[in-house]
Amino acid sequence: MGPLKDDWTSTCPLDWPQSERDEKCISQNEASWGTAMLSRLEKFKAIIDPNELFICAAGVGYTSKSDPSSNPDPSPSSSSESRMMPNPMSVLVFFLCSFAVSLMNYCFLHSNH
């Protein structure tokens, strides 16, 4: 988690329950990317990976609900075994798009605007 929403100079206490941390602290992604860029990245992730095949804990678009390892009693419909394996072309497209977004961000940040 990032800092407290009402005091950016204070870190989010680790001893708070997750529900309280979600309510009172800025997410790690929002603290890292900023609100506008995070929104753009989440939209991009939803388009590229609508079935949430690529799960990266604490990554853009991550929710504990999308992570099968966070479910202590997975049913057959939510287990990782029932998920469709991505085909290699989808994986390639995902990584190429990720690279393109990184390149666009780099160019944007280093342009003379």
PDB file of N, CA and C in Angstrom:
ATOM      1  N   MET A   1       0.838  -1.184   0.000  1.00  0.00           N
ATOM      2  CA  MET A   1       0.000   0.000   0.000  1.00  0.00           C
ATOM      3  C   MET A   1       0.882   1.246   0.000  1.00  0.00           C
ATOM      4  N   GLY A   2       0.298   2.282  -0.500  1.00  0.00           N
ATOM      5  CA  GLY A   2       0.983   3.559  -0.516  1.00  0.00           C
ATOM      6  C   GLY A   2       0.727   4.315   0.786  1.00  0.00           C
ATOM      7  N   PRO A   3       0.807   5.634   0.750  1.00  0.00           N
ATOM      8  CA  PRO A   3       0.606   6.428   1.966  1.00  0.00           C
ATOM      9  C   PRO A   3      -0.873   6.545   2.332  1.00  0.00           C
ATOM     10  N   LEU A   4      -1.129   7.173   3.469  1.00  0.00           N
ATOM     11  CA  LEU A   4      -2.495   7.456   3.893  1.00  0.00           C
ATOM     12  C   LEU A   4      -3.115   8.472   2.929  1.00  0.00           C
ATOM     13  N   LYS A   5      -4.393   8.339   2.661  1.00  0.00           N
ATOM     14  CA  LYS A   5      -5.066   9.281   1.758  1.00  0.00           C
ATOM     15  C   LYS A   5      -5.087  10.694   2.321  1.00  0.00           C
ATOM     16  N   ASP A   6      -5.221  10.817   3.635  1.00  0.00           N
ATOM     17  CA  ASP A   6      -5.315  12.154   4.223  1.00  0.00           C
ATOM     18  C   ASP A   6      -3.973  12.713   4.699  1.00  0.00           C
ATOM     19  N   ASP A   7      -2.909  11.930   4.587  1.00  0.00           N
ATOM     20  CA  ASP A   7      -1.578  12.404   4.976  1.00  0.00           C
ATOM     21  C   ASP A   7      -0.518  11.628   4.189  1.00  0.00           C
ATOM     22  N   TRP A   8      -0.101  12.177   3.066  1.00  0.00           N
ATOM     23  CA  TRP A   8       0.828  11.487   2.170  1.00  0.00           C
ATOM     24  C   TRP A   8       2.223  11.323   2.774  1.00  0.00           C
ATOM     25  N   THR A   9       2.471  11.945   3.913  1.00  0.00           N
ATOM     26  CA  THR A   9       3.783  11.788   4.542  1.00  0.00           C
ATOM     27  C   THR A   9       3.822  10.585   5.485  1.00  0.00           C
ATOM     28  N   SER A  10       2.670   9.953   5.720  1.00  0.00           N
ATOM     29  CA  SER A  10       2.593   8.800   6.617  1.00  0.00           C
ATOM     30  C   SER A  10       2.302   7.532   5.832  1.00  0.00           C
ATOM     31  N   THR A  11       3.039   6.478   6.149  1.00  0.00           N
ATOM     32  CA  THR A  11       2.803   5.213   5.473  1.00  0.00           C
ATOM     33  C   THR A  11       1.557   4.534   6.035  1.00  0.00           C
ATOM     34  N   CYS A  12       0.986   3.676   5.230  1.00  0.00           N
ATOM     35  CA  CYS A  12      -0.193   2.919   5.635  1.00  0.00           C
ATOM     36  C   CYS A  12       0.227   1.881   6.686  1.00  0.00           C
ATOM     37  N   PRO A  13      -0.397   1.885   7.860  1.00  0.00           N
ATOM     38  CA  PRO A  13      -0.018   0.927   8.906  1.00  0.00           C
ATOM     39  C   PRO A  13      -0.259  -0.520   8.476  1.00  0.00           C
ATOM     40  N   LEU A  14       0.726  -1.357   8.668  1.00  0.00           N
ATOM     41  CA  LEU A  14       0.622  -2.765   8.283  1.00  0.00           C
ATOM     42  C   LEU A  14      -0.282  -3.553   9.217  1.00  0.00           C
ATOM     43  N   ASP A  15      -0.524  -3.040  10.431  1.00  0.00           N
ATOM     44  CA  ASP A  15      -1.347  -3.783  11.385  1.00  0.00           C
ATOM     45  C   ASP A  15      -2.846  -3.530  11.209  1.00  0.00           C
ATOM     46  N   TRP A  16      -3.235  -2.643  10.287  1.00  0.00           N
ATOM     47  CA  TRP A  16      -4.649  -2.421  10.013  1.00  0.00           C
ATOM     48  C   TRP A  16      -5.207  -3.596   9.218  1.00  0.00           C
ATOM     49  N   PRO A  17      -6.496  -3.911   9.399  1.00  0.00           N
ATOM     50  CA  PRO A  17      -7.115  -4.937   8.543  1.00  0.00           C
ATOM     51  C   PRO A  17      -7.132  -4.458   7.086  1.00  0.00           C
ATOM     52  N   GLN A  18      -7.137  -5.391   6.148  1.00  0.00           N
ATOM     53  CA  GLN A  18      -7.082  -5.034   4.730  1.00  0.00           C
ATOM     54  C   GLN A  18      -8.224  -4.104   4.337  1.00  0.00           C
ATOM     55  N   SER A  19      -9.414  -4.319   4.882  1.00  0.00           N
ATOM     56  CA  SER A  19     -10.558  -3.459   4.528  1.00  0.00           C
ATOM     57  C   SER A  19     -10.304  -2.002   4.921  1.00  0.00           C
ATOM     58  N   GLU A  20      -9.693  -1.795   6.076  1.00  0.00           N
ATOM     59  CA  GLU A  20      -9.376  -0.437   6.523  1.00  0.00           C
ATOM     60  C   GLU A  20      -8.257   0.169   5.677  1.00  0.00           C
ATOM     61  N   ARG A  21      -7.279  -0.650   5.325  1.00  0.00           N
ATOM     62  CA  ARG A  21      -6.189  -0.166   4.471  1.00  0.00           C
ATOM     63  C   ARG A  21      -6.721   0.246   3.095  1.00  0.00           C
ATOM     64  N   ASP A  22      -7.648  -0.570   2.550  1.00  0.00           N
ATOM     65  CA  ASP A  22      -8.244  -0.239   1.248  1.00  0.00           C
ATOM     66  C   ASP A  22      -8.996   1.081   1.309  1.00  0.00           C
ATOM     67  N   GLU A  23      -9.655   1.326   2.437  1.00  0.00           N
ATOM     68  CA  GLU A  23     -10.465   2.532   2.599  1.00  0.00           C
ATOM     69  C   GLU A  23      -9.617   3.782   2.851  1.00  0.00           C
ATOM     70  N   LYS A  24      -8.563   3.657   3.669  1.00  0.00           N
ATOM     71  CA  LYS A  24      -7.847   4.839   4.144  1.00  0.00           C
ATOM     72  C   LYS A  24      -6.479   5.072   3.508  1.00  0.00           C
ATOM     73  N   CYS A  25      -6.021   4.139   2.672  1.00  0.00           N
ATOM     74  CA  CYS A  25      -4.689   4.269   2.092  1.00  0.00           C
ATOM     75  C   CYS A  25      -4.749   4.295   0.565  1.00  0.00           C
ATOM     76  N   ILE A  26      -3.769   4.912  -0.029  1.00  0.00           N
ATOM     77  CA  ILE A  26      -3.656   4.948  -1.477  1.00  0.00           C
ATOM     78  C   ILE A  26      -3.009   3.638  -1.915  1.00  0.00           C
ATOM     79  N   SER A  27      -3.515   3.067  -2.991  1.00  0.00           N
ATOM     80  CA  SER A  27      -2.941   1.803  -3.456  1.00  0.00           C
ATOM     81  C   SER A  27      -1.507   2.018  -3.932  1.00  0.00           C
ATOM     82  N   GLN A  28      -0.762   0.942  -3.924  1.00  0.00           N
ATOM     83  CA  GLN A  28       0.622   1.006  -4.392  1.00  0.00           C
ATOM     84  C   GLN A  28       0.665   1.450  -5.856  1.00  0.00           C
ATOM     85  N   ASN A  29      -0.266   0.944  -6.663  1.00  0.00           N
ATOM     86  CA  ASN A  29      -0.290   1.326  -8.076  1.00  0.00           C
ATOM     87  C   ASN A  29      -0.617   2.793  -8.268  1.00  0.00           C
ATOM     88  N   GLU A  30      -1.584   3.317  -7.506  1.00  0.00           N
ATOM     89  CA  GLU A  30      -1.931   4.727  -7.633  1.00  0.00           C
ATOM     90  C   GLU A  30      -0.774   5.610  -7.177  1.00  0.00           C
ATOM     91  N   ALA A  31      -0.089   5.195  -6.121  1.00  0.00           N
ATOM     92  CA  ALA A  31       1.065   5.956  -5.641  1.00  0.00           C
ATOM     93  C   ALA A  31       2.190   5.929  -6.670  1.00  0.00           C
ATOM     94  N   SER A  32       2.344   4.807  -7.375  1.00  0.00           N
ATOM     95  CA  SER A  32       3.425   4.676  -8.360  1.00  0.00           C
ATOM     96  C   SER A  32       3.107   5.358  -9.680  1.00  0.00           C
ATOM     97  N   TRP A  33       1.902   5.112 -10.201  1.00  0.00           N
ATOM     98  CA  TRP A  33       1.557   5.562 -11.552  1.00  0.00           C
ATOM     99  C   TRP A  33       0.806   6.883 -11.585  1.00  0.00           C
ATOM    100  N   GLY A  34       0.153   7.265 -10.488  1.00  0.00           N
ATOM    101  CA  GLY A  34      -0.720   8.433 -10.503  1.00  0.00           C
ATOM    102  C   GLY A  34      -2.113   8.005 -10.952  1.00  0.00           C
ATOM    103  N   THR A  35      -3.110   8.776 -10.584  1.00  0.00           N
ATOM    104  CA  THR A  35      -4.494   8.406 -10.843  1.00  0.00           C
ATOM    105  C   THR A  35      -4.806   8.319 -12.338  1.00  0.00           C
ATOM    106  N   ALA A  36      -4.412   9.310 -13.117  1.00  0.00           N
ATOM    107  CA  ALA A  36      -4.742   9.334 -14.549  1.00  0.00           C
ATOM    108  C   ALA A  36      -4.051   8.197 -15.309  1.00  0.00           C
ATOM    109  N   MET A  37      -2.762   8.002 -15.077  1.00  0.00           N
ATOM    110  CA  MET A  37      -2.033   6.955 -15.788  1.00  0.00           C
ATOM    111  C   MET A  37      -2.518   5.573 -15.365  1.00  0.00           C
ATOM    112  N   LEU A  38      -2.814   5.388 -14.087  1.00  0.00           N
ATOM    113  CA  LEU A  38      -3.319   4.104 -13.626  1.00  0.00           C
ATOM    114  C   LEU A  38      -4.653   3.781 -14.297  1.00  0.00           C
ATOM    115  N   SER A  39      -5.504   4.771 -14.443  1.00  0.00           N
ATOM    116  CA  SER A  39      -6.786   4.559 -15.119  1.00  0.00           C
ATOM    117  C   SER A  39      -6.568   4.117 -16.566  1.00  0.00           C
ATOM    118  N   ARG A  40      -5.639   4.749 -17.257  1.00  0.00           N
ATOM    119  CA  ARG A  40      -5.322   4.363 -18.641  1.00  0.00           C
ATOM    120  C   ARG A  40      -4.780   2.936 -18.710  1.00  0.00           C
ATOM    121  N   LEU A  41      -3.883   2.598 -17.796  1.00  0.00           N
ATOM    122  CA  LEU A  41      -3.301   1.263 -17.784  1.00  0.00           C
ATOM    123  C   LEU A  41      -4.339   0.188 -17.449  1.00  0.00           C
ATOM    124  N   GLU A  42      -5.263   0.500 -16.533  1.00  0.00           N
ATOM    125  CA  GLU A  42      -6.312  -0.459 -16.186  1.00  0.00           C
ATOM    126  C   GLU A  42      -7.242  -0.704 -17.373  1.00  0.00           C
ATOM    127  N   LYS A  43      -7.563   0.348 -18.119  1.00  0.00           N
ATOM    128  CA  LYS A  43      -8.397   0.181 -19.324  1.00  0.00           C
ATOM    129  C   LYS A  43      -7.667  -0.671 -20.353  1.00  0.00           C
ATOM    130  N   PHE A  44      -6.396  -0.414 -20.532  1.00  0.00           N
ATOM    131  CA  PHE A  44      -5.583  -1.176 -21.471  1.00  0.00           C
ATOM    132  C   PHE A  44      -5.532  -2.649 -21.053  1.00  0.00           C
ATOM    133  N   LYS A  45      -5.311  -2.909 -19.774  1.00  0.00           N
ATOM    134  CA  LYS A  45      -5.261  -4.281 -19.263  1.00  0.00           C
ATOM    135  C   LYS A  45      -6.584  -4.991 -19.482  1.00  0.00           C
ATOM    136  N   ALA A  46      -7.704  -4.293 -19.260  1.00  0.00           N
ATOM    137  CA  ALA A  46      -9.028  -4.896 -19.443  1.00  0.00           C
ATOM    138  C   ALA A  46      -9.270  -5.284 -20.898  1.00  0.00           C
ATOM    139  N   ILE A  47      -8.740  -4.496 -21.832  1.00  0.00           N
ATOM    140  CA  ILE A  47      -8.892  -4.796 -23.260  1.00  0.00           C
ATOM    141  C   ILE A  47      -8.009  -5.969 -23.653  1.00  0.00           C
ATOM    142  N   ILE A  48      -6.764  -5.937 -23.238  1.00  0.00           N
ATOM    143  CA  ILE A  48      -5.795  -6.962 -23.625  1.00  0.00           C
ATOM    144  C   ILE A  48      -6.052  -8.289 -22.916  1.00  0.00           C
ATOM    145  N   ASP A  49      -6.493  -8.239 -21.674  1.00  0.00           N
ATOM    146  CA  ASP A  49      -6.643  -9.451 -20.863  1.00  0.00           C
ATOM    147  C   ASP A  49      -8.014  -9.489 -20.188  1.00  0.00           C
ATOM    148  N   PRO A  50      -9.100  -9.576 -20.968  1.00  0.00           N
ATOM    149  CA  PRO A  50     -10.444  -9.531 -20.369  1.00  0.00           C
ATOM    150  C   PRO A  50     -10.752 -10.732 -19.478  1.00  0.00           C
ATOM    151  N   ASN A  51     -10.097 -11.860 -19.697  1.00  0.00           N
ATOM    152  CA  ASN A  51     -10.347 -13.054 -18.892  1.00  0.00           C
ATOM    153  C   ASN A  51      -9.381 -13.199 -17.722  1.00  0.00           C
ATOM    154  N   GLU A  52      -8.568 -12.194 -17.494  1.00  0.00           N
ATOM    155  CA  GLU A  52      -7.605 -12.159 -16.392  1.00  0.00           C
ATOM    156  C   GLU A  52      -6.727 -13.409 -16.362  1.00  0.00           C
ATOM    157  N   LEU A  53      -6.151 -13.727 -17.507  1.00  0.00           N
ATOM    158  CA  LEU A  53      -5.238 -14.856 -17.589  1.00  0.00           C
ATOM    159  C   LEU A  53      -3.859 -14.494 -17.053  1.00  0.00           C
ATOM    160  N   PHE A  54      -3.501 -13.219 -17.157  1.00  0.00           N
ATOM    161  CA  PHE A  54      -2.194 -12.752 -16.694  1.00  0.00           C
ATOM    162  C   PHE A  54      -2.394 -12.052 -15.356  1.00  0.00           C
ATOM    163  N   ILE A  55      -2.116 -12.753 -14.274  1.00  0.00           N
ATOM    164  CA  ILE A  55      -2.313 -12.203 -12.937  1.00  0.00           C
ATOM    165  C   ILE A  55      -0.953 -11.887 -12.335  1.00  0.00           C
ATOM    166  N   CYS A  56      -0.778 -10.645 -11.978  1.00  0.00           N
ATOM    167  CA  CYS A  56       0.458 -10.216 -11.342  1.00  0.00           C
ATOM    168  C   CYS A  56       0.076  -9.559 -10.019  1.00  0.00           C
ATOM    169  N   ALA A  57       0.384 -10.231  -8.921  1.00  0.00           N
ATOM    170  CA  ALA A  57       0.017  -9.698  -7.608  1.00  0.00           C
ATOM    171  C   ALA A  57       0.533  -8.277  -7.457  1.00  0.00           C
ATOM    172  N   ALA A  58      -0.357  -7.393  -7.083  1.00  0.00           N
ATOM    173  CA  ALA A  58      -0.088  -5.967  -6.907  1.00  0.00           C
ATOM    174  C   ALA A  58       0.199  -5.257  -8.219  1.00  0.00           C
ATOM    175  N   GLY A  59      -0.020  -5.920  -9.354  1.00  0.00           N
ATOM    176  CA  GLY A  59       0.166  -5.282 -10.658  1.00  0.00           C
ATOM    177  C   GLY A  59      -1.071  -4.508 -11.064  1.00  0.00           C
ATOM    178  N   VAL A  60      -0.976  -3.803 -12.173  1.00  0.00           N
ATOM    179  CA  VAL A  60      -2.099  -3.027 -12.689  1.00  0.00           C
ATOM    180  C   VAL A  60      -3.251  -3.973 -12.998  1.00  0.00           C
ATOM    181  N   GLY A  61      -4.433  -3.646 -12.495  1.00  0.00           N
ATOM    182  CA  GLY A  61      -5.620  -4.456 -12.719  1.00  0.00           C
ATOM    183  C   GLY A  61      -5.782  -5.606 -11.746  1.00  0.00           C
ATOM    184  N   TYR A  62      -4.848  -5.765 -10.831  1.00  0.00           N
ATOM    185  CA  TYR A  62      -4.916  -6.875  -9.874  1.00  0.00           C
ATOM    186  C   TYR A  62      -5.969  -6.611  -8.806  1.00  0.00           C
ATOM    187  N   THR A  63      -6.759  -7.608  -8.527  1.00  0.00           N
ATOM    188  CA  THR A  63      -7.628  -7.612  -7.361  1.00  0.00           C
ATOM    189  C   THR A  63      -7.476  -8.975  -6.721  1.00  0.00           C
ATOM    190  N   SER A  64      -7.651  -9.054  -5.434  1.00  0.00           N
ATOM    191  CA  SER A  64      -7.503 -10.341  -4.774  1.00  0.00           C
ATOM    192  C   SER A  64      -8.553 -11.328  -5.277  1.00  0.00           C
ATOM    193  N   LYS A  65      -9.680 -10.817  -5.802  1.00  0.00           N
ATOM    194  CA  LYS A  65     -10.716 -11.683  -6.351  1.00  0.00           C
ATOM    195  C   LYS A  65     -10.247 -12.369  -7.635  1.00  0.00           C
ATOM    196  N   SER A  66      -9.323 -11.738  -8.367  1.00  0.00           N
ATOM    197  CA  SER A  66      -8.859 -12.313  -9.625  1.00  0.00           C
ATOM    198  C   SER A  66      -7.731 -13.310  -9.433  1.00  0.00           C
ATOM    199  N   ASP A  67      -7.241 -13.424  -8.211  1.00  0.00           N
ATOM    200  CA  ASP A  67      -6.113 -14.311  -7.932  1.00  0.00           C
ATOM    201  C   ASP A  67      -6.611 -15.612  -7.320  1.00  0.00           C
ATOM    202  N   PRO A  68      -6.508 -16.740  -8.042  1.00  0.00           N
ATOM    203  CA  PRO A  68      -6.993 -18.000  -7.494  1.00  0.00           C
ATOM    204  C   PRO A  68      -6.254 -18.429  -6.227  1.00  0.00           C
ATOM    205  N   SER A  69      -5.025 -17.994  -6.031  1.00  0.00           N
ATOM    206  CA  SER A  69      -4.277 -18.388  -4.840  1.00  0.00           C
ATOM    207  C   SER A  69      -4.786 -17.685  -3.587  1.00  0.00           C
ATOM    208  N   SER A  70      -5.592 -16.624  -3.752  1.00  0.00           N
ATOM    209  CA  SER A  70      -6.125 -15.924  -2.583  1.00  0.00           C
ATOM    210  C   SER A  70      -7.434 -16.542  -2.103  1.00  0.00           C
ATOM    211  N   ASN A  71      -7.969 -17.509  -2.839  1.00  0.00           N
ATOM    212  CA  ASN A  71      -9.208 -18.170  -2.470  1.00  0.00           C
ATOM    213  C   ASN A  71      -8.871 -19.456  -1.717  1.00  0.00           C
ATOM    214  N   PRO A  72      -9.142 -19.532  -0.412  1.00  0.00           N
ATOM    215  CA  PRO A  72      -8.717 -20.696   0.353  1.00  0.00           C
ATOM    216  C   PRO A  72      -9.474 -21.980  -0.001  1.00  0.00           C
ATOM    217  N   ASP A  73     -10.677 -21.874  -0.547  1.00  0.00           N
ATOM    218  CA  ASP A  73     -11.469 -23.047  -0.888  1.00  0.00           C
ATOM    219  C   ASP A  73     -11.983 -22.905  -2.314  1.00  0.00           C
ATOM    220  N   PRO A  74     -11.129 -23.066  -3.302  1.00  0.00           N
ATOM    221  CA  PRO A  74     -11.559 -22.815  -4.677  1.00  0.00           C
ATOM    222  C   PRO A  74     -12.544 -23.875  -5.160  1.00  0.00           C
ATOM    223  N   SER A  75     -13.592 -23.407  -5.793  1.00  0.00           N
ATOM    224  CA  SER A  75     -14.527 -24.320  -6.436  1.00  0.00           C
ATOM    225  C   SER A  75     -13.972 -24.649  -7.813  1.00  0.00           C
ATOM    226  N   PRO A  76     -14.489 -25.678  -8.491  1.00  0.00           N
ATOM    227  CA  PRO A  76     -13.968 -26.008  -9.821  1.00  0.00           C
ATOM    228  C   PRO A  76     -14.066 -24.852 -10.809  1.00  0.00           C
ATOM    229  N   SER A  77     -15.088 -23.995 -10.659  1.00  0.00           N
ATOM    230  CA  SER A  77     -15.239 -22.901 -11.617  1.00  0.00           C
ATOM    231  C   SER A  77     -14.240 -21.776 -11.379  1.00  0.00           C
ATOM    232  N   SER A  78     -13.663 -21.692 -10.161  1.00  0.00           N
ATOM    233  CA  SER A  78     -12.720 -20.606  -9.886  1.00  0.00           C
ATOM    234  C   SER A  78     -11.281 -21.091  -9.764  1.00  0.00           C
ATOM    235  N   SER A  79     -11.045 -22.379  -9.898  1.00  0.00           N
ATOM    236  CA  SER A  79      -9.679 -22.865  -9.739  1.00  0.00           C
ATOM    237  C   SER A  79      -8.849 -22.523 -10.962  1.00  0.00           C
ATOM    238  N   SER A  80      -7.550 -22.478 -10.763  1.00  0.00           N
ATOM    239  CA  SER A  80      -6.670 -22.149 -11.876  1.00  0.00           C
ATOM    240  C   SER A  80      -6.672 -23.247 -12.925  1.00  0.00           C
ATOM    241  N   GLU A  81      -7.019 -24.487 -12.536  1.00  0.00           N
ATOM    242  CA  GLU A  81      -7.048 -25.577 -13.509  1.00  0.00           C
ATOM    243  C   GLU A  81      -8.149 -25.385 -14.539  1.00  0.00           C
ATOM    244  N   SER A  82      -9.251 -24.728 -14.143  1.00  0.00           N
ATOM    245  CA  SER A  82     -10.353 -24.559 -15.080  1.00  0.00           C
ATOM    246  C   SER A  82     -10.146 -23.374 -16.018  1.00  0.00           C
ATOM    247  N   ARG A  83      -9.140 -22.567 -15.760  1.00  0.00           N
ATOM    248  CA  ARG A  83      -8.866 -21.427 -16.634  1.00  0.00           C
ATOM    249  C   ARG A  83      -8.294 -21.904 -17.957  1.00  0.00           C
ATOM    250  N   MET A  84      -8.704 -21.227 -18.992  1.00  0.00           N
ATOM    251  CA  MET A  84      -8.188 -21.564 -20.308  1.00  0.00           C
ATOM    252  C   MET A  84      -6.737 -21.092 -20.409  1.00  0.00           C
ATOM    253  N   MET A  85      -5.869 -21.924 -20.901  1.00  0.00           N
ATOM    254  CA  MET A  85      -4.472 -21.540 -21.083  1.00  0.00           C
ATOM    255  C   MET A  85      -4.384 -20.569 -22.263  1.00  0.00           C
ATOM    256  N   PRO A  86      -3.606 -19.503 -22.134  1.00  0.00           N
ATOM    257  CA  PRO A  86      -3.481 -18.559 -23.243  1.00  0.00           C
ATOM    258  C   PRO A  86      -2.716 -19.193 -24.389  1.00  0.00           C
ATOM    259  N   ASN A  87      -3.138 -18.842 -25.601  1.00  0.00           N
ATOM    260  CA  ASN A  87      -2.361 -19.372 -26.725  1.00  0.00           C
ATOM    261  C   ASN A  87      -1.108 -18.518 -26.895  1.00  0.00           C
ATOM    262  N   PRO A  88      -0.072 -19.051 -27.508  1.00  0.00           N
ATOM    263  CA  PRO A  88       1.206 -18.329 -27.607  1.00  0.00           C
ATOM    264  C   PRO A  88       1.095 -16.986 -28.315  1.00  0.00           C
ATOM    265  N   MET A  89       0.201 -16.891 -29.305  1.00  0.00           N
ATOM    266  CA  MET A  89       0.053 -15.615 -30.017  1.00  0.00           C
ATOM    267  C   MET A  89      -0.500 -14.544 -29.076  1.00  0.00           C
ATOM    268  N   SER A  90      -1.436 -14.917 -28.212  1.00  0.00           N
ATOM    269  CA  SER A  90      -1.986 -13.958 -27.245  1.00  0.00           C
ATOM    270  C   SER A  90      -0.902 -13.462 -26.302  1.00  0.00           C
ATOM    271  N   VAL A  91      -0.056 -14.369 -25.875  1.00  0.00           N
ATOM    272  CA  VAL A  91       1.045 -13.987 -24.986  1.00  0.00           C
ATOM    273  C   VAL A  91       1.977 -13.013 -25.691  1.00  0.00           C
ATOM    274  N   LEU A  92       2.313 -13.296 -26.928  1.00  0.00           N
ATOM    275  CA  LEU A  92       3.188 -12.416 -27.702  1.00  0.00           C
ATOM    276  C   LEU A  92       2.557 -11.038 -27.869  1.00  0.00           C
ATOM    277  N   VAL A  93       1.275 -11.006 -28.224  1.00  0.00           N
ATOM    278  CA  VAL A  93       0.581  -9.725 -28.411  1.00  0.00           C
ATOM    279  C   VAL A  93       0.560  -8.949 -27.099  1.00  0.00           C
ATOM    280  N   PHE A  94       0.296  -9.643 -25.992  1.00  0.00           N
ATOM    281  CA  PHE A  94       0.260  -8.970 -24.697  1.00  0.00           C
ATOM    282  C   PHE A  94       1.603  -8.309 -24.383  1.00  0.00           C
ATOM    283  N   PHE A  95       2.692  -9.044 -24.576  1.00  0.00           N
ATOM    284  CA  PHE A  95       4.002  -8.489 -24.261  1.00  0.00           C
ATOM    285  C   PHE A  95       4.405  -7.389 -25.234  1.00  0.00           C
ATOM    286  N   LEU A  96       4.034  -7.522 -26.497  1.00  0.00           N
ATOM    287  CA  LEU A  96       4.327  -6.447 -27.449  1.00  0.00           C
ATOM    288  C   LEU A  96       3.551  -5.189 -27.089  1.00  0.00           C
ATOM    289  N   CYS A  97       2.302  -5.356 -26.689  1.00  0.00           N
ATOM    290  CA  CYS A  97       1.508  -4.198 -26.282  1.00  0.00           C
ATOM    291  C   CYS A  97       2.069  -3.571 -25.007  1.00  0.00           C
ATOM    292  N   SER A  98       2.502  -4.402 -24.077  1.00  0.00           N
ATOM    293  CA  SER A  98       3.112  -3.885 -22.851  1.00  0.00           C
ATOM    294  C   SER A  98       4.363  -3.079 -23.168  1.00  0.00           C
ATOM    295  N   PHE A  99       5.165  -3.594 -24.100  1.00  0.00           N
ATOM    296  CA  PHE A  99       6.360  -2.870 -24.517  1.00  0.00           C
ATOM    297  C   PHE A  99       5.981  -1.553 -25.174  1.00  0.00           C
ATOM    298  N   ALA A 100       4.943  -1.583 -26.018  1.00  0.00           N
ATOM    299  CA  ALA A 100       4.511  -0.358 -26.699  1.00  0.00           C
ATOM    300  C   ALA A 100       4.050   0.690 -25.692  1.00  0.00           C
ATOM    301  N   VAL A 101       3.310   0.273 -24.673  1.00  0.00           N
ATOM    302  CA  VAL A 101       2.853   1.213 -23.646  1.00  0.00           C
ATOM    303  C   VAL A 101       4.047   1.781 -22.890  1.00  0.00           C
ATOM    304  N   SER A 102       5.008   0.934 -22.557  1.00  0.00           N
ATOM    305  CA  SER A 102       6.212   1.412 -21.864  1.00  0.00           C
ATOM    306  C   SER A 102       6.964   2.417 -22.728  1.00  0.00           C
ATOM    307  N   LEU A 103       7.073   2.128 -24.010  1.00  0.00           N
ATOM    308  CA  LEU A 103       7.768   3.030 -24.929  1.00  0.00           C
ATOM    309  C   LEU A 103       7.024   4.357 -25.053  1.00  0.00           C
ATOM    310  N   MET A 104       5.692   4.294 -25.151  1.00  0.00           N
ATOM    311  CA  MET A 104       4.905   5.530 -25.234  1.00  0.00           C
ATOM    312  C   MET A 104       5.071   6.359 -23.966  1.00  0.00           C
ATOM    313  N   ASN A 105       5.045   5.691 -22.807  1.00  0.00           N
ATOM    314  CA  ASN A 105       5.231   6.414 -21.543  1.00  0.00           C
ATOM    315  C   ASN A 105       6.609   7.060 -21.489  1.00  0.00           C
ATOM    316  N   TYR A 106       7.635   6.337 -21.922  1.00  0.00           N
ATOM    317  CA  TYR A 106       8.993   6.875 -21.930  1.00  0.00           C
ATOM    318  C   TYR A 106       9.053   8.110 -22.837  1.00  0.00           C
ATOM    319  N   CYS A 107       8.501   7.990 -24.034  1.00  0.00           N
ATOM    320  CA  CYS A 107       8.529   9.099 -24.983  1.00  0.00           C
ATOM    321  C   CYS A 107       7.763  10.304 -24.432  1.00  0.00           C
ATOM    322  N   PHE A 108       6.609  10.036 -23.799  1.00  0.00           N
ATOM    323  CA  PHE A 108       5.812  11.111 -23.243  1.00  0.00           C
ATOM    324  C   PHE A 108       6.573  11.821 -22.128  1.00  0.00           C
ATOM    325  N   LEU A 109       7.191  11.051 -21.254  1.00  0.00           N
ATOM    326  CA  LEU A 109       7.896  11.642 -20.120  1.00  0.00           C
ATOM    327  C   LEU A 109       9.153  12.402 -20.536  1.00  0.00           C
ATOM    328  N   HIS A 110       9.756  12.017 -21.670  1.00  0.00           N
ATOM    329  CA  HIS A 110      10.993  12.650 -22.101  1.00  0.00           C
ATOM    330  C   HIS A 110      10.823  13.611 -23.279  1.00  0.00           C
ATOM    331  N   SER A 111       9.565  13.891 -23.633  1.00  0.00           N
ATOM    332  CA  SER A 111       9.325  14.851 -24.727  1.00  0.00           C
ATOM    333  C   SER A 111       9.383  16.267 -24.172  1.00  0.00           C
ATOM    334  N   ASN A 112       9.564  17.211 -25.037  1.00  0.00           N
ATOM    335  CA  ASN A 112       9.600  18.620 -24.641  1.00  0.00           C
ATOM    336  C   ASN A 112       8.208  19.196 -24.780  1.00  0.00           C
ATOM    337  N   HIS A 113       7.381  19.010 -23.772  1.00  0.00           N
ATOM    338  CA  HIS A 113       6.016  19.513 -23.822  1.00  0.00           C
ATOM    339  C   HIS A 113       5.776  20.615 -22.832  1.00  0.00           C
TER     340      HIS A 113
END
